Amino acid sequence: MLRRLVEKTEIIRKQLGSASPVIETRISELLAAGIDRRRANLVAAEIDRIEQSDREQRARDDLEPVREADAVLARRVEQLRSQLERSRRRVGVDRVQLQRVVTYGLRLAGAPVLHPEEQNDGPRRFAFRSDEITSVQDEGIRRMLAALRHPTDRLGTGPLRPVSFDPPPDTDAETVQLHLEHPLVTRLIDRFFNQGLVHHELSRACLAVAPDAVPRVVLMGRLSLWGSGAARLHEEIIRVAARWIEPEIRRAKLQPYSREGERQTMDSLDRTLDEPRRFDVPAGVRGRLLAGLSEDVADLLPELERRSEAAAETARDQLRQRGRATPCIGVPPIANGIREYS
């Protein structure tokens, strides 16, 4: 038994550096009554069990911080996934939609078009031709296109780097990713905002073939709140969706959908916008739909105005709260300068 005790103590010293206080205490208690030759084997077995139990406890103690760190990391990953999903729902922009907006914005600005590159793998890339930059009338867009040259091109005479609407798989200084916060994209999107503000008239009718069999109509309006000095304080798109019924068999006004029906309608519209071929509406169908357009608008306009008034009041309250919470020195609260929306 003594030999076993010495051997175990030596093993513990080599593997762990020293015996833990728990082992010392338990062995001391085991030997407090002395050594009985008749129980020598039992005591030796108990010493083995104490040492094994302590080894397992130390392993658990060593692994516990790792488990806690893993749990914290797992919770953080779940939070980031939820945040990413909320961002996707809130922003609602994917690669195809962003590419379409940029392409059309470049066309409105008189800028060169995107030329798709031939490639076998990796994110799809598009290229600009350097000799086409000089034809751009917008000075700001011309500078942003010139900034696509490689950072090491000090003379500014080299080719423009290709752009992509997909994130690169790794760090790639040879490709520029276009996203919502990229200066070129924000400049092009601002042109759409400014275009609507200059004309102050956005009446449009858009016809498309939906991916399902239910005909629907969506009436949209833009709510704008202005402050002193023509400061744009709030903008929001208000919409009303309803099932469309042929005017010949329509016995009452179009009835707006509930929230769930409206959500399904907007999902269908989003899928339609992703497929440009769906805008090829036959001429006969187009003529029949446009003929009843004024009646459709008249049916849904009162509900659109009601929702606009409610949304405007909500926005005013939020602006007043922000103005009271963060007043500027020498500047009146932001809500004091609100003008009526148009």
Protein backbone atom coordinates (compact mmCIF):
# COMPACT_ATOMS: atom_id res chain seq x y z
CA MET A 1 0.00 0.00 0.00
CA LEU A 2 2.85 2.36 0.84
CA ARG A 3 4.52 1.51 -2.46
CA ARG A 4 1.24 2.24 -4.29
CA LEU A 5 0.91 5.54 -2.44
CA VAL A 6 4.48 6.57 -3.36
CA GLU A 7 3.97 5.54 -7.00
CA LYS A 8 0.73 7.49 -7.31
CA THR A 9 2.24 10.54 -5.67
CA GLU A 10 5.16 10.43 -8.12
CA ILE A 11 2.82 10.04 -11.10
CA ILE A 12 0.73 12.99 -9.94
CA ARG A 13 3.84 15.10 -9.44
CA LYS A 14 5.12 14.37 -12.96
CA GLN A 15 1.78 14.85 -14.71
CA LEU A 16 0.18 17.65 -12.72
CA GLY A 17 3.11 19.24 -10.91
CA SER A 18 1.70 18.57 -7.46
CA ALA A 19 -1.14 16.81 -5.77
CA SER A 20 -4.27 18.90 -5.39
CA PRO A 21 -5.44 19.87 -1.89
CA VAL A 22 -8.46 17.61 -2.43
CA ILE A 23 -6.26 14.53 -2.95
CA GLU A 24 -4.06 15.40 0.03
CA THR A 25 -7.09 15.87 2.28
CA ARG A 26 -8.83 12.68 1.19
CA ILE A 27 -5.66 10.54 1.49
CA SER A 28 -4.92 12.05 4.91
CA GLU A 29 -8.42 11.14 6.04
CA LEU A 30 -7.98 7.63 4.60
CA LEU A 31 -4.74 7.07 6.54
CA ALA A 32 -5.76 8.86 9.73
CA ALA A 33 -6.72 5.60 11.45
CA GLY A 34 -3.38 3.96 10.59
CA ILE A 35 -2.50 1.10 8.24
CA ASP A 36 -4.27 -2.22 8.71
CA ARG A 37 -2.55 -5.06 6.82
CA ARG A 38 -5.91 -6.80 6.31
CA ARG A 39 -7.28 -3.73 4.50
CA ALA A 40 -4.08 -2.86 2.61
CA ASN A 41 -5.43 -3.87 -0.78
CA LEU A 42 -8.70 -2.02 -0.21
CA VAL A 43 -6.89 1.16 0.83
CA ALA A 44 -4.57 0.88 -2.21
CA ALA A 45 -7.62 0.54 -4.48
CA GLU A 46 -9.20 3.57 -2.78
CA ILE A 47 -6.02 5.59 -3.43
CA ASP A 48 -6.29 4.67 -7.12
CA ARG A 49 -9.92 5.76 -7.18
CA ILE A 50 -9.15 9.06 -5.45
CA GLU A 51 -6.41 9.82 -7.97
CA GLN A 52 -8.66 8.96 -10.95
CA SER A 53 -11.51 11.04 -9.55
CA ASP A 54 -9.20 14.02 -9.08
CA ARG A 55 -7.85 13.65 -12.61
CA GLU A 56 -11.38 13.72 -14.03
CA GLN A 57 -12.29 16.73 -11.88
CA ARG A 58 -9.23 18.62 -13.06
CA ALA A 59 -10.11 17.80 -16.67
CA ARG A 60 -13.63 19.12 -16.10
CA ASP A 61 -12.25 22.26 -14.48
CA ASP A 62 -9.91 22.80 -17.42
CA LEU A 63 -12.65 22.24 -19.99
CA GLU A 64 -15.33 24.32 -18.26
CA PRO A 65 -13.96 27.71 -19.47
CA VAL A 66 -13.76 26.26 -22.99
CA ARG A 67 -17.37 25.09 -22.79
CA GLU A 68 -18.47 28.49 -21.52
CA ALA A 69 -16.55 30.22 -24.32
CA ASP A 70 -18.14 27.87 -26.86
CA ALA A 71 -21.59 28.64 -25.45
CA VAL A 72 -20.94 32.38 -25.60
CA LEU A 73 -19.68 32.04 -29.17
CA ALA A 74 -22.72 29.97 -30.19
CA ARG A 75 -25.08 32.57 -28.71
CA ARG A 76 -23.20 35.35 -30.50
CA VAL A 77 -23.41 33.49 -33.81
CA GLU A 78 -27.16 33.11 -33.35
CA GLN A 79 -27.49 36.82 -32.59
CA LEU A 80 -25.52 37.70 -35.71
CA ARG A 81 -27.67 35.37 -37.82
CA SER A 82 -30.81 37.04 -36.51
CA GLN A 83 -29.30 40.47 -37.11
CA LEU A 84 -28.31 39.50 -40.65
CA GLU A 85 -31.82 38.25 -41.38
CA ARG A 86 -33.35 41.46 -39.98
CA SER A 87 -30.97 43.49 -42.14
CA ARG A 88 -31.94 41.51 -45.21
CA ARG A 89 -35.63 42.06 -44.54
CA ARG A 90 -35.15 45.75 -43.78
CA VAL A 91 -32.86 46.61 -46.68
CA GLY A 92 -34.49 44.19 -49.09
CA VAL A 93 -31.79 44.49 -51.75
CA ASP A 94 -30.09 41.56 -53.40
CA ARG A 95 -27.41 41.35 -56.03
CA VAL A 96 -29.77 41.24 -59.02
CA GLN A 97 -31.77 44.25 -57.88
CA LEU A 98 -28.69 46.30 -57.07
CA GLN A 99 -27.12 45.46 -60.43
CA ARG A 100 -30.30 46.57 -62.20
CA VAL A 101 -30.43 49.88 -60.30
CA VAL A 102 -26.76 50.62 -61.01
CA THR A 103 -27.13 49.73 -64.69
CA TYR A 104 -30.14 51.99 -65.15
CA GLY A 105 -28.53 54.76 -63.07
CA LEU A 106 -25.44 54.69 -65.28
CA ARG A 107 -27.67 54.95 -68.33
CA LEU A 108 -29.48 58.01 -66.90
CA ALA A 109 -26.14 59.63 -66.09
CA GLY A 110 -24.79 59.03 -69.57
CA ALA A 111 -22.04 56.88 -68.10
CA PRO A 112 -20.49 53.84 -69.82
CA VAL A 113 -22.30 50.56 -69.50
CA LEU A 114 -21.08 47.53 -67.59
CA HIS A 115 -19.32 44.94 -69.75
CA PRO A 116 -19.54 41.40 -68.29
CA GLU A 117 -16.23 39.59 -68.18
CA GLU A 118 -15.76 36.02 -69.31
CA GLN A 119 -14.63 33.88 -66.39
CA ASN A 120 -14.94 30.31 -65.21
CA ASP A 121 -15.12 30.70 -61.43
CA GLY A 122 -15.49 33.26 -58.66
CA PRO A 123 -17.99 36.14 -58.38
CA ARG A 124 -19.26 37.53 -61.66
CA ARG A 125 -17.32 40.64 -62.63
CA PHE A 126 -18.05 43.61 -64.89
CA ALA A 127 -15.61 46.02 -66.47
CA PHE A 128 -15.63 49.68 -67.51
CA ARG A 129 -13.61 50.94 -70.44
CA SER A 130 -11.23 53.75 -69.57
CA ASP A 131 -11.78 55.55 -72.88
CA GLU A 132 -15.51 55.87 -72.13
CA ILE A 133 -15.06 57.93 -68.95
CA THR A 134 -14.42 61.17 -70.82
CA SER A 135 -17.94 61.10 -72.25
CA VAL A 136 -19.59 61.24 -68.78
CA GLN A 137 -21.21 64.64 -68.18
CA ASP A 138 -21.60 64.24 -64.40
CA GLU A 139 -18.32 65.40 -62.87
CA GLY A 140 -18.89 63.48 -59.63
CA ILE A 141 -19.59 60.18 -61.37
CA ARG A 142 -16.59 60.73 -63.64
CA ARG A 143 -14.33 61.12 -60.59
CA MET A 144 -15.80 58.02 -58.95
CA LEU A 145 -15.26 55.95 -62.07
CA ALA A 146 -11.68 57.20 -62.28
CA ALA A 147 -11.22 56.11 -58.63
CA LEU A 148 -11.73 52.51 -59.75
CA ARG A 149 -8.16 52.48 -60.99
CA HIS A 150 -5.69 50.50 -58.92
CA PRO A 151 -4.44 52.41 -55.82
CA THR A 152 -0.86 52.02 -57.08
CA ASP A 153 -1.70 53.82 -60.34
CA ARG A 154 -0.28 57.21 -59.35
CA LEU A 155 -0.49 58.67 -62.87
CA GLY A 156 -4.16 57.76 -63.23
CA THR A 157 -3.72 56.39 -66.73
CA GLY A 158 -4.16 52.67 -66.16
CA PRO A 159 -7.26 50.55 -66.75
CA LEU A 160 -10.21 50.56 -64.40
CA ARG A 161 -10.52 47.63 -62.04
CA PRO A 162 -13.52 45.35 -62.67
CA VAL A 163 -16.46 45.57 -60.29
CA SER A 164 -18.65 42.87 -58.77
CA PHE A 165 -21.96 42.87 -56.94
CA ASP A 166 -20.99 39.75 -54.98
CA PRO A 167 -18.61 39.76 -52.00
CA PRO A 168 -15.23 38.25 -52.95
CA PRO A 169 -14.34 34.93 -51.32
CA ASP A 170 -11.17 36.51 -49.91
CA THR A 171 -9.27 39.78 -49.98
CA ASP A 172 -8.98 40.81 -53.61
CA ALA A 173 -7.40 44.17 -54.44
CA GLU A 174 -8.04 43.57 -58.14
CA THR A 175 -11.84 43.69 -57.86
CA VAL A 176 -14.10 46.43 -56.45
CA GLN A 177 -17.30 45.29 -54.77
CA LEU A 178 -20.29 47.57 -55.40
CA HIS A 179 -22.68 47.70 -52.45
CA LEU A 180 -25.25 50.14 -51.05
CA GLU A 181 -22.62 52.24 -49.25
CA HIS A 182 -20.16 52.46 -52.14
CA PRO A 183 -19.78 56.12 -53.27
CA LEU A 184 -20.63 55.32 -56.90
CA VAL A 185 -23.80 53.46 -55.90
CA THR A 186 -24.97 56.15 -53.46
CA ARG A 187 -24.37 58.82 -56.12
CA LEU A 188 -26.45 56.90 -58.67
CA ILE A 189 -29.26 56.25 -56.18
CA ASP A 190 -29.30 59.95 -55.22
CA ARG A 191 -30.08 60.75 -58.85
CA PHE A 192 -33.33 58.79 -58.52
CA PHE A 193 -34.27 60.73 -55.37
CA ASN A 194 -33.35 64.06 -56.93
CA GLN A 195 -35.21 63.24 -60.13
CA GLY A 196 -38.42 62.74 -58.19
CA LEU A 197 -37.90 65.92 -56.16
CA VAL A 198 -37.24 68.04 -59.24
CA HIS A 199 -40.34 66.89 -61.11
CA HIS A 200 -42.51 66.44 -58.00
CA GLU A 201 -44.69 64.16 -60.08
CA LEU A 202 -44.12 60.43 -60.07
CA SER A 203 -47.31 59.17 -61.70
CA ARG A 204 -46.44 55.92 -63.40
CA ALA A 205 -48.23 52.73 -64.35
CA CYS A 206 -46.21 49.52 -64.41
CA LEU A 207 -47.65 46.29 -65.78
CA ALA A 208 -46.09 42.87 -65.33
CA VAL A 209 -46.98 39.20 -65.40
CA ALA A 210 -46.96 37.93 -61.82
CA PRO A 211 -45.53 34.49 -60.91
CA ASP A 212 -48.97 33.37 -59.68
CA ALA A 213 -52.45 33.31 -61.19
CA VAL A 214 -54.13 35.95 -58.97
CA PRO A 215 -54.36 39.40 -60.59
CA ARG A 216 -53.42 42.14 -58.15
CA VAL A 217 -53.07 45.91 -58.15
CA VAL A 218 -50.74 47.93 -55.91
CA LEU A 219 -51.11 51.67 -55.48
CA MET A 220 -48.02 53.42 -54.08
CA GLY A 221 -47.44 56.94 -52.90
CA ARG A 222 -44.46 58.84 -51.54
CA LEU A 223 -44.80 60.60 -48.20
CA SER A 224 -42.29 63.42 -47.63
CA LEU A 225 -41.83 65.58 -44.53
CA TRP A 226 -39.85 68.80 -44.82
CA GLY A 227 -38.28 71.12 -42.29
CA SER A 228 -37.08 74.69 -42.40
CA GLY A 229 -34.60 75.49 -45.13
CA ALA A 230 -36.08 72.72 -47.33
CA ALA A 231 -34.49 70.08 -45.10
CA ARG A 232 -35.81 66.65 -46.00
CA LEU A 233 -36.71 65.05 -42.66
CA HIS A 234 -38.55 61.90 -43.63
CA GLU A 235 -39.52 59.90 -46.70
CA GLU A 236 -41.62 56.79 -46.84
CA ILE A 237 -43.38 54.72 -49.48
CA ILE A 238 -47.04 54.11 -48.66
CA ARG A 239 -48.80 51.27 -50.45
CA VAL A 240 -52.22 49.70 -50.78
CA ALA A 241 -52.72 46.31 -52.42
CA ALA A 242 -55.95 44.68 -53.58
CA ARG A 243 -57.17 41.86 -55.76
CA TRP A 244 -57.89 43.21 -59.22
CA ILE A 245 -61.29 42.50 -60.76
CA GLU A 246 -62.33 43.14 -64.33
CA PRO A 247 -64.26 46.46 -64.50
CA GLU A 248 -67.07 44.76 -66.45
CA ILE A 249 -67.88 42.41 -63.56
CA ARG A 250 -66.85 44.67 -60.68
CA ARG A 251 -69.91 45.24 -58.49
CA ALA A 252 -68.17 47.35 -55.83
CA LYS A 253 -64.92 49.18 -55.27
CA LEU A 254 -61.68 47.25 -54.94
CA GLN A 255 -61.16 46.17 -51.34
CA PRO A 256 -57.65 46.59 -49.85
CA TYR A 257 -55.96 43.43 -48.66
CA SER A 258 -55.27 42.67 -45.03
CA ARG A 259 -51.67 42.77 -43.85
CA GLU A 260 -51.11 39.13 -44.78
CA GLY A 261 -52.61 39.57 -48.24
CA GLU A 262 -50.54 42.69 -48.76
CA ARG A 263 -47.39 40.87 -47.68
CA GLN A 264 -48.05 38.08 -50.18
CA THR A 265 -48.67 40.65 -52.88
CA MET A 266 -45.38 42.44 -52.21
CA ASP A 267 -43.53 39.11 -52.18
CA SER A 268 -45.04 38.36 -55.57
CA LEU A 269 -44.01 41.81 -56.79
CA ASP A 270 -40.44 41.30 -55.58
CA ARG A 271 -40.21 38.03 -57.49
CA THR A 272 -41.58 39.75 -60.56
CA LEU A 273 -38.99 42.54 -60.40
CA ASP A 274 -36.22 39.95 -60.37
CA GLU A 275 -37.28 38.68 -63.81
CA PRO A 276 -37.31 41.43 -66.48
CA ARG A 277 -38.96 39.08 -68.98
CA ARG A 278 -42.17 39.31 -66.94
CA PHE A 279 -42.64 42.92 -68.09
CA ASP A 280 -43.40 41.72 -71.62
CA VAL A 281 -47.17 42.16 -71.33
CA PRO A 282 -49.17 41.46 -74.52
CA ALA A 283 -50.47 44.61 -76.19
CA GLY A 284 -54.13 43.57 -75.86
CA VAL A 285 -53.81 42.90 -72.13
CA ARG A 286 -51.91 46.15 -71.66
CA GLY A 287 -54.62 48.17 -73.35
CA ARG A 288 -57.38 46.57 -71.29
CA LEU A 289 -55.55 47.19 -68.00
CA LEU A 290 -54.67 50.80 -68.80
CA ALA A 291 -58.25 51.55 -69.81
CA GLY A 292 -59.46 50.85 -66.27
CA LEU A 293 -56.47 52.41 -64.52
CA SER A 294 -58.22 55.61 -63.40
CA GLU A 295 -61.02 53.58 -61.83
CA ASP A 296 -58.50 51.40 -59.95
CA VAL A 297 -56.74 54.47 -58.58
CA ALA A 298 -60.04 56.07 -57.55
CA ASP A 299 -61.01 52.93 -55.62
CA LEU A 300 -57.76 52.70 -53.64
CA LEU A 301 -56.76 56.37 -53.29
CA PRO A 302 -58.89 57.09 -50.17
CA GLU A 303 -57.22 54.22 -48.29
CA LEU A 304 -53.79 55.38 -49.47
CA GLU A 305 -54.48 58.91 -48.19
CA ARG A 306 -55.71 57.55 -44.85
CA ARG A 307 -52.54 55.50 -44.40
CA SER A 308 -50.44 58.48 -45.44
CA GLU A 309 -52.02 60.69 -42.79
CA ALA A 310 -51.42 58.04 -40.11
CA ALA A 311 -47.82 57.50 -41.21
CA ALA A 312 -47.18 61.25 -41.31
CA GLU A 313 -48.46 61.71 -37.76
CA THR A 314 -46.30 58.82 -36.54
CA ALA A 315 -43.23 60.31 -38.24
CA ARG A 316 -43.97 63.74 -36.75
CA ASP A 317 -44.16 62.25 -33.25
CA GLN A 318 -40.85 60.45 -33.74
CA LEU A 319 -39.19 63.63 -35.03
CA ARG A 320 -40.51 65.61 -32.06
CA GLN A 321 -39.14 63.00 -29.65
CA ARG A 322 -35.77 63.09 -31.37
CA GLY A 323 -35.77 66.87 -31.34
CA ARG A 324 -36.47 66.96 -27.60
CA ALA A 325 -33.90 64.26 -26.86
CA THR A 326 -31.03 65.81 -28.86
CA PRO A 327 -31.56 69.58 -29.14
CA CYS A 328 -28.81 71.55 -30.89
CA ILE A 329 -27.41 74.75 -29.38
CA GLY A 330 -28.81 77.75 -31.22
CA VAL A 331 -31.06 75.57 -33.42
CA PRO A 332 -34.73 74.92 -32.64
CA PRO A 333 -35.90 71.31 -32.22
CA ILE A 334 -36.13 69.50 -35.51
CA ALA A 335 -39.88 68.96 -35.34
CA ASN A 336 -40.65 72.69 -35.24
CA GLY A 337 -39.85 73.10 -38.91
CA ILE A 338 -42.03 70.32 -40.32
CA ARG A 339 -44.05 71.26 -43.39
CA GLU A 340 -47.09 69.44 -44.68
CA TYR A 341 -46.30 66.48 -46.84
CA SER A 342 -47.16 66.30 -50.51
